[in-house]
Every structure is written in structure tokens, then in C-alpha cells.
Amino acid sequence: MTSAAEMISAQDLAVAADHGQIYIYSHVDWGDDPQDGPYLEALADAKDSKRYVGSCRGLIDLITPGQYNWKTPMRVEIWTGEPPADTTEWDNEVDIDFDAPTGGITFEPSGGSAHISGASLPAGRYRMRVSGRGFGDPSTNTPSADYYRLRLWPRLQDSPAALRRSWRHWGSR
């Protein structure tokens, strides 16, 4: 009999989003083009996959429905194993691999900014569930009050990113 996963810790933060994006990383393999390479490739992965969460060489690009928010609520949870599903509580949800070889997690708005923030995270290889809600309704001009949660748990092998739930208004943006 396997025991259910348990939450080890939780941190509530306010992170900056700009140009409709939040970059999430612990380390990034910048490759040959440290200026744009991973940023543009992660953005392309997010949009082309229609997950609106993309990755490239250690950088995760989280697309937000609003242009900017300097105090975007973000909760970071660390679990002993895959957390229980609550997909119906969220507008968009994606599982993606995340590596923190030396620990820590960084949040950076797109476009370069002094609004970089971070949270503690033990070094390791993780699966990350990126959940977002409060996105509003563009057809009624309901403003976004977006909120995000990252749930991380140890992973033993690499897996492709997986869309668990898609916000129905992404196509209208």
C-alpha cells in the first residue's frame, strides 16, 4: 500500500509579470545566444504547444492573460510525491519538468527588470504542476485577477510537458 503524497512546505509570494510573461528558473543553459535564445524558444514552445507554459534549456515561460502585474500572487508548494488532482479549481494547468541543481527558484518578468524575486527550493530534479486561475473573461471585459500555484515533487525520469486543463479563452487573446 502506498501512502498519499504530503505537502512539505508552502511559500506565498508576489512576483512580477510583464509583457504577459513570468520566467521561472533555477539555472538556465544559455547556449550560444545568452540574450534571446532560451527566452524566445520557451515562448515559442508555450504558444506553439497551446499549453501557454513552455520551456527551453532550464527556463520556463509562463504566459499570463494580462499585460503586466508587479504583484502577481504565486504560491510555491513542495510535495513528497505527485499531489492530489484539483484541476477543476484552475483555469489552466500544465505539468512540466524543472531542475534546480543548486537549489532555489527565480521569478523574473519578461523584458528585463529589477523586479526579480525568488523562493527557497532544495536542490533536485522536479516535476512541476503550474496552475493558474482568475483569468477573467475577455468576451465580457471582465478584468483578470490571476493567481498561480506551483506544486513541485521529486522526479526520477524526464517526461514531456503535459496540458492538464486549458483556459477556454486562450484562442481569443
C-alpha atoms as a PDB file:
ATOM      1  CA  MET A   1       0.000   0.000   0.000  1.00  0.00           C
ATOM      2  CA  THR A   2       1.404   3.385  -1.000  1.00  0.00           C
ATOM      3  CA  SER A   3       0.885   6.390   1.173  1.00  0.00           C
ATOM      4  CA  ALA A   4      -0.577   9.587  -0.230  1.00  0.00           C
ATOM      5  CA  ALA A   5       1.758  12.439  -1.077  1.00  0.00           C
ATOM      6  CA  GLU A   6       2.127  15.111   1.560  1.00  0.00           C
ATOM      7  CA  MET A   7       2.942  18.786   1.293  1.00  0.00           C
ATOM      8  CA  ILE A   8       6.324  19.532   2.872  1.00  0.00           C
ATOM      9  CA  SER A   9       6.293  23.322   2.618  1.00  0.00           C
ATOM     10  CA  ALA A  10       4.483  26.277   1.060  1.00  0.00           C
ATOM     11  CA  GLN A  11       5.629  29.815   0.310  1.00  0.00           C
ATOM     12  CA  ASP A  12       3.337  32.654  -0.752  1.00  0.00           C
ATOM     13  CA  LEU A  13       4.961  35.334  -2.883  1.00  0.00           C
ATOM     14  CA  ALA A  14       4.145  38.329  -5.033  1.00  0.00           C
ATOM     15  CA  VAL A  15       6.087  38.107  -8.312  1.00  0.00           C
ATOM     16  CA  ALA A  16       6.243  40.464 -11.265  1.00  0.00           C
ATOM     17  CA  ALA A  17       4.713  39.709 -14.659  1.00  0.00           C
ATOM     18  CA  ASP A  18       5.445  41.931 -17.667  1.00  0.00           C
ATOM     19  CA  HIS A  19       4.705  41.641 -21.369  1.00  0.00           C
ATOM     20  CA  GLY A  20       2.279  38.876 -20.353  1.00  0.00           C
ATOM     21  CA  GLN A  21       5.033  36.570 -19.089  1.00  0.00           C
ATOM     22  CA  ILE A  22       6.810  35.295 -15.986  1.00  0.00           C
ATOM     23  CA  TYR A  23      10.119  33.481 -16.405  1.00  0.00           C
ATOM     24  CA  ILE A  24      10.745  30.709 -13.891  1.00  0.00           C
ATOM     25  CA  TYR A  25      14.181  29.131 -13.475  1.00  0.00           C
ATOM     26  CA  SER A  26      16.811  27.813 -11.123  1.00  0.00           C
ATOM     27  CA  HIS A  27      19.521  27.505 -13.737  1.00  0.00           C
ATOM     28  CA  VAL A  28      19.476  28.177 -17.461  1.00  0.00           C
ATOM     29  CA  ASP A  29      21.713  26.706 -20.147  1.00  0.00           C
ATOM     30  CA  TRP A  30      22.108  29.887 -22.186  1.00  0.00           C
ATOM     31  CA  GLY A  31      23.818  28.092 -25.088  1.00  0.00           C
ATOM     32  CA  ASP A  32      25.212  30.248 -27.895  1.00  0.00           C
ATOM     33  CA  ASP A  33      22.795  33.181 -27.539  1.00  0.00           C
ATOM     34  CA  PRO A  34      22.510  34.399 -23.946  1.00  0.00           C
ATOM     35  CA  GLN A  35      20.391  37.395 -24.983  1.00  0.00           C
ATOM     36  CA  ASP A  36      17.338  35.761 -26.511  1.00  0.00           C
ATOM     37  CA  GLY A  37      17.868  32.056 -27.177  1.00  0.00           C
ATOM     38  CA  PRO A  38      16.092  30.365 -24.255  1.00  0.00           C
ATOM     39  CA  TYR A  39      13.598  33.216 -23.820  1.00  0.00           C
ATOM     40  CA  LEU A  40      12.341  33.135 -27.390  1.00  0.00           C
ATOM     41  CA  GLU A  41      12.428  29.336 -27.614  1.00  0.00           C
ATOM     42  CA  ALA A  42      10.466  28.911 -24.352  1.00  0.00           C
ATOM     43  CA  LEU A  43       7.916  31.486 -25.578  1.00  0.00           C
ATOM     44  CA  ALA A  44       7.558  29.638 -28.884  1.00  0.00           C
ATOM     45  CA  ASP A  45       7.112  26.329 -27.017  1.00  0.00           C
ATOM     46  CA  ALA A  46       4.397  27.876 -24.808  1.00  0.00           C
ATOM     47  CA  LYS A  47       2.444  29.285 -27.752  1.00  0.00           C
ATOM     48  CA  ASP A  48       3.017  26.554 -30.354  1.00  0.00           C
ATOM     49  CA  SER A  49       2.015  23.806 -27.902  1.00  0.00           C
ATOM     50  CA  LYS A  50      -1.062  25.810 -26.811  1.00  0.00           C
ATOM     51  CA  ARG A  51      -0.129  24.983 -23.204  1.00  0.00           C
ATOM     52  CA  TYR A  52       0.853  28.636 -22.519  1.00  0.00           C
ATOM     53  CA  VAL A  53       3.646  27.238 -20.379  1.00  0.00           C
ATOM     54  CA  GLY A  54       6.820  26.475 -22.315  1.00  0.00           C
ATOM     55  CA  SER A  55      10.403  25.541 -21.590  1.00  0.00           C
ATOM     56  CA  CYS A  56      13.851  25.713 -23.079  1.00  0.00           C
ATOM     57  CA  ARG A  57      17.196  24.724 -21.523  1.00  0.00           C
ATOM     58  CA  GLY A  58      16.063  25.204 -17.916  1.00  0.00           C
ATOM     59  CA  LEU A  59      13.867  28.282 -18.456  1.00  0.00           C
ATOM     60  CA  ILE A  60      10.083  28.034 -18.053  1.00  0.00           C
ATOM     61  CA  ASP A  61       7.968  30.760 -19.660  1.00  0.00           C
ATOM     62  CA  LEU A  62       4.563  31.172 -18.000  1.00  0.00           C
ATOM     63  CA  ILE A  63       2.194  33.193 -20.225  1.00  0.00           C
ATOM     64  CA  THR A  64      -0.251  35.401 -18.319  1.00  0.00           C
ATOM     65  CA  PRO A  65      -3.526  36.803 -19.697  1.00  0.00           C
ATOM     66  CA  GLY A  66      -2.733  40.347 -18.554  1.00  0.00           C
ATOM     67  CA  GLN A  67      -0.047  42.680 -19.883  1.00  0.00           C
ATOM     68  CA  TYR A  68       1.620  43.321 -16.527  1.00  0.00           C
ATOM     69  CA  ASN A  69       1.143  42.923 -12.800  1.00  0.00           C
ATOM     70  CA  TRP A  70       4.015  43.804 -10.460  1.00  0.00           C
ATOM     71  CA  LYS A  71       2.376  41.888  -7.585  1.00  0.00           C
ATOM     72  CA  THR A  72       1.141  38.651  -9.132  1.00  0.00           C
ATOM     73  CA  PRO A  73       0.222  36.160  -6.384  1.00  0.00           C
ATOM     74  CA  MET A  74       2.331  32.986  -6.608  1.00  0.00           C
ATOM     75  CA  ARG A  75       2.271  30.036  -4.220  1.00  0.00           C
ATOM     76  CA  VAL A  76       5.154  27.535  -4.290  1.00  0.00           C
ATOM     77  CA  GLU A  77       4.448  24.145  -2.707  1.00  0.00           C
ATOM     78  CA  ILE A  78       6.878  21.263  -2.271  1.00  0.00           C
ATOM     79  CA  TRP A  79       5.395  17.744  -2.042  1.00  0.00           C
ATOM     80  CA  THR A  80       6.771  14.291  -1.217  1.00  0.00           C
ATOM     81  CA  GLY A  81       5.153  12.881  -4.391  1.00  0.00           C
ATOM     82  CA  GLU A  82       2.588  13.827  -7.014  1.00  0.00           C
ATOM     83  CA  PRO A  83      -0.096  15.905  -5.253  1.00  0.00           C
ATOM     84  CA  PRO A  84      -3.800  15.071  -5.476  1.00  0.00           C
ATOM     85  CA  ALA A  85      -5.594  16.423  -8.529  1.00  0.00           C
ATOM     86  CA  ASP A  86      -7.775  19.514  -8.212  1.00  0.00           C
ATOM     87  CA  THR A  87      -7.807  20.500 -11.880  1.00  0.00           C
ATOM     88  CA  THR A  88     -11.398  21.739 -11.831  1.00  0.00           C
ATOM     89  CA  GLU A  89     -10.325  24.528  -9.434  1.00  0.00           C
ATOM     90  CA  TRP A  90      -7.991  26.079 -12.038  1.00  0.00           C
ATOM     91  CA  ASP A  91      -8.359  27.797 -15.427  1.00  0.00           C
ATOM     92  CA  ASN A  92      -5.124  26.401 -16.881  1.00  0.00           C
ATOM     93  CA  GLU A  93      -2.855  23.633 -15.621  1.00  0.00           C
ATOM     94  CA  VAL A  94       0.353  22.118 -17.004  1.00  0.00           C
ATOM     95  CA  ASP A  95       2.841  19.528 -15.714  1.00  0.00           C
ATOM     96  CA  ILE A  96       6.447  20.193 -16.747  1.00  0.00           C
ATOM     97  CA  ASP A  97       9.949  19.101 -15.689  1.00  0.00           C
ATOM     98  CA  PHE A  98      12.030  21.538 -13.616  1.00  0.00           C
ATOM     99  CA  ASP A  99      15.631  21.175 -12.473  1.00  0.00           C
ATOM    100  CA  ALA A 100      17.227  23.008  -9.551  1.00  0.00           C
ATOM    101  CA  PRO A 101      20.769  21.589  -9.488  1.00  0.00           C
ATOM    102  CA  THR A 102      21.972  24.011  -6.796  1.00  0.00           C
ATOM    103  CA  GLY A 103      18.579  24.830  -5.294  1.00  0.00           C
ATOM    104  CA  GLY A 104      16.368  27.907  -5.316  1.00  0.00           C
ATOM    105  CA  ILE A 105      13.754  29.136  -7.765  1.00  0.00           C
ATOM    106  CA  THR A 106      13.763  32.535  -9.501  1.00  0.00           C
ATOM    107  CA  PHE A 107      10.858  34.552 -10.933  1.00  0.00           C
ATOM    108  CA  GLU A 108      11.582  37.249 -13.500  1.00  0.00           C
ATOM    109  CA  PRO A 109       9.220  39.373 -15.600  1.00  0.00           C
ATOM    110  CA  SER A 110       9.785  39.486 -19.354  1.00  0.00           C
ATOM    111  CA  GLY A 111      11.578  42.485 -20.789  1.00  0.00           C
ATOM    112  CA  GLY A 112      14.311  42.851 -18.208  1.00  0.00           C
ATOM    113  CA  SER A 113      13.518  44.382 -14.860  1.00  0.00           C
ATOM    114  CA  ALA A 114      14.685  44.957 -11.333  1.00  0.00           C
ATOM    115  CA  HIS A 115      11.558  43.062 -10.196  1.00  0.00           C
ATOM    116  CA  ILE A 116      13.307  39.676  -9.939  1.00  0.00           C
ATOM    117  CA  SER A 117      12.282  37.602  -6.927  1.00  0.00           C
ATOM    118  CA  GLY A 118      12.958  34.135  -5.613  1.00  0.00           C
ATOM    119  CA  ALA A 119      11.981  31.393  -3.202  1.00  0.00           C
ATOM    120  CA  SER A 120      13.804  28.612  -1.427  1.00  0.00           C
ATOM    121  CA  LEU A 121      13.780  25.168  -3.006  1.00  0.00           C
ATOM    122  CA  PRO A 122      16.057  22.230  -2.184  1.00  0.00           C
ATOM    123  CA  ALA A 123      18.392  21.160  -4.981  1.00  0.00           C
ATOM    124  CA  GLY A 124      16.872  18.406  -7.099  1.00  0.00           C
ATOM    125  CA  ARG A 125      15.023  17.243 -10.197  1.00  0.00           C
ATOM    126  CA  TYR A 126      11.311  18.008 -10.012  1.00  0.00           C
ATOM    127  CA  ARG A 127       8.040  17.640 -11.814  1.00  0.00           C
ATOM    128  CA  MET A 128       6.186  20.964 -11.553  1.00  0.00           C
ATOM    129  CA  ARG A 129       2.437  21.463 -11.816  1.00  0.00           C
ATOM    130  CA  VAL A 130       1.795  25.048 -12.953  1.00  0.00           C
ATOM    131  CA  SER A 131      -1.787  26.090 -12.158  1.00  0.00           C
ATOM    132  CA  GLY A 132      -3.425  29.452 -12.842  1.00  0.00           C
ATOM    133  CA  ARG A 133      -6.883  30.902 -12.211  1.00  0.00           C
ATOM    134  CA  GLY A 134      -8.787  34.175 -12.042  1.00  0.00           C
ATOM    135  CA  PHE A 135      -8.054  34.938 -15.682  1.00  0.00           C
ATOM    136  CA  GLY A 136     -11.279  36.878 -16.328  1.00  0.00           C
ATOM    137  CA  ASP A 137     -13.433  36.698 -19.441  1.00  0.00           C
ATOM    138  CA  PRO A 138     -12.294  38.730 -22.470  1.00  0.00           C
ATOM    139  CA  SER A 139     -15.744  38.476 -24.108  1.00  0.00           C
ATOM    140  CA  THR A 140     -17.287  40.443 -21.220  1.00  0.00           C
ATOM    141  CA  ASN A 141     -14.219  42.612 -20.490  1.00  0.00           C
ATOM    142  CA  THR A 142     -14.002  41.049 -17.036  1.00  0.00           C
ATOM    143  CA  PRO A 143     -10.562  42.021 -15.769  1.00  0.00           C
ATOM    144  CA  SER A 144      -8.005  39.418 -14.836  1.00  0.00           C
ATOM    145  CA  ALA A 145      -7.149  38.827 -11.174  1.00  0.00           C
ATOM    146  CA  ASP A 146      -4.780  35.985 -11.941  1.00  0.00           C
ATOM    147  CA  TYR A 147      -3.235  33.800  -9.265  1.00  0.00           C
ATOM    148  CA  TYR A 148      -0.705  30.994  -9.731  1.00  0.00           C
ATOM    149  CA  ARG A 149       0.370  27.919  -7.835  1.00  0.00           C
ATOM    150  CA  LEU A 150       3.439  25.786  -8.466  1.00  0.00           C
ATOM    151  CA  ARG A 151       3.442  22.304  -6.962  1.00  0.00           C
ATOM    152  CA  LEU A 152       6.794  20.533  -7.131  1.00  0.00           C
ATOM    153  CA  TRP A 153       7.658  16.938  -6.325  1.00  0.00           C
ATOM    154  CA  PRO A 154      10.744  14.781  -6.950  1.00  0.00           C
ATOM    155  CA  ARG A 155      11.003  13.048 -10.324  1.00  0.00           C
ATOM    156  CA  LEU A 156      13.030  10.020 -11.282  1.00  0.00           C
ATOM    157  CA  GLN A 157      12.841  10.400 -15.063  1.00  0.00           C
ATOM    158  CA  ASP A 158      12.258  13.105 -17.653  1.00  0.00           C
ATOM    159  CA  SER A 159       8.744  13.397 -19.062  1.00  0.00           C
ATOM    160  CA  PRO A 160       7.241  15.596 -21.769  1.00  0.00           C
ATOM    161  CA  ALA A 161       5.193  18.595 -20.681  1.00  0.00           C
ATOM    162  CA  ALA A 162       1.503  17.736 -20.317  1.00  0.00           C
ATOM    163  CA  LEU A 163      -1.525  20.020 -20.567  1.00  0.00           C
ATOM    164  CA  ARG A 164      -3.984  19.031 -17.836  1.00  0.00           C
ATOM    165  CA  ARG A 165      -6.533  21.828 -18.360  1.00  0.00           C
ATOM    166  CA  SER A 166      -6.687  24.669 -20.876  1.00  0.00           C
ATOM    167  CA  TRP A 167      -8.263  28.074 -20.298  1.00  0.00           C
ATOM    168  CA  ARG A 168     -11.030  28.321 -22.897  1.00  0.00           C
ATOM    169  CA  HIS A 169     -10.206  31.930 -23.829  1.00  0.00           C
ATOM    170  CA  TRP A 170      -6.567  31.435 -24.869  1.00  0.00           C
ATOM    171  CA  GLY A 171      -7.580  31.335 -28.531  1.00  0.00           C
ATOM    172  CA  SER A 172      -9.315  34.714 -28.240  1.00  0.00           C
ATOM    173  CA  ARG A 173      -6.230  36.513 -26.922  1.00  0.00           C
END
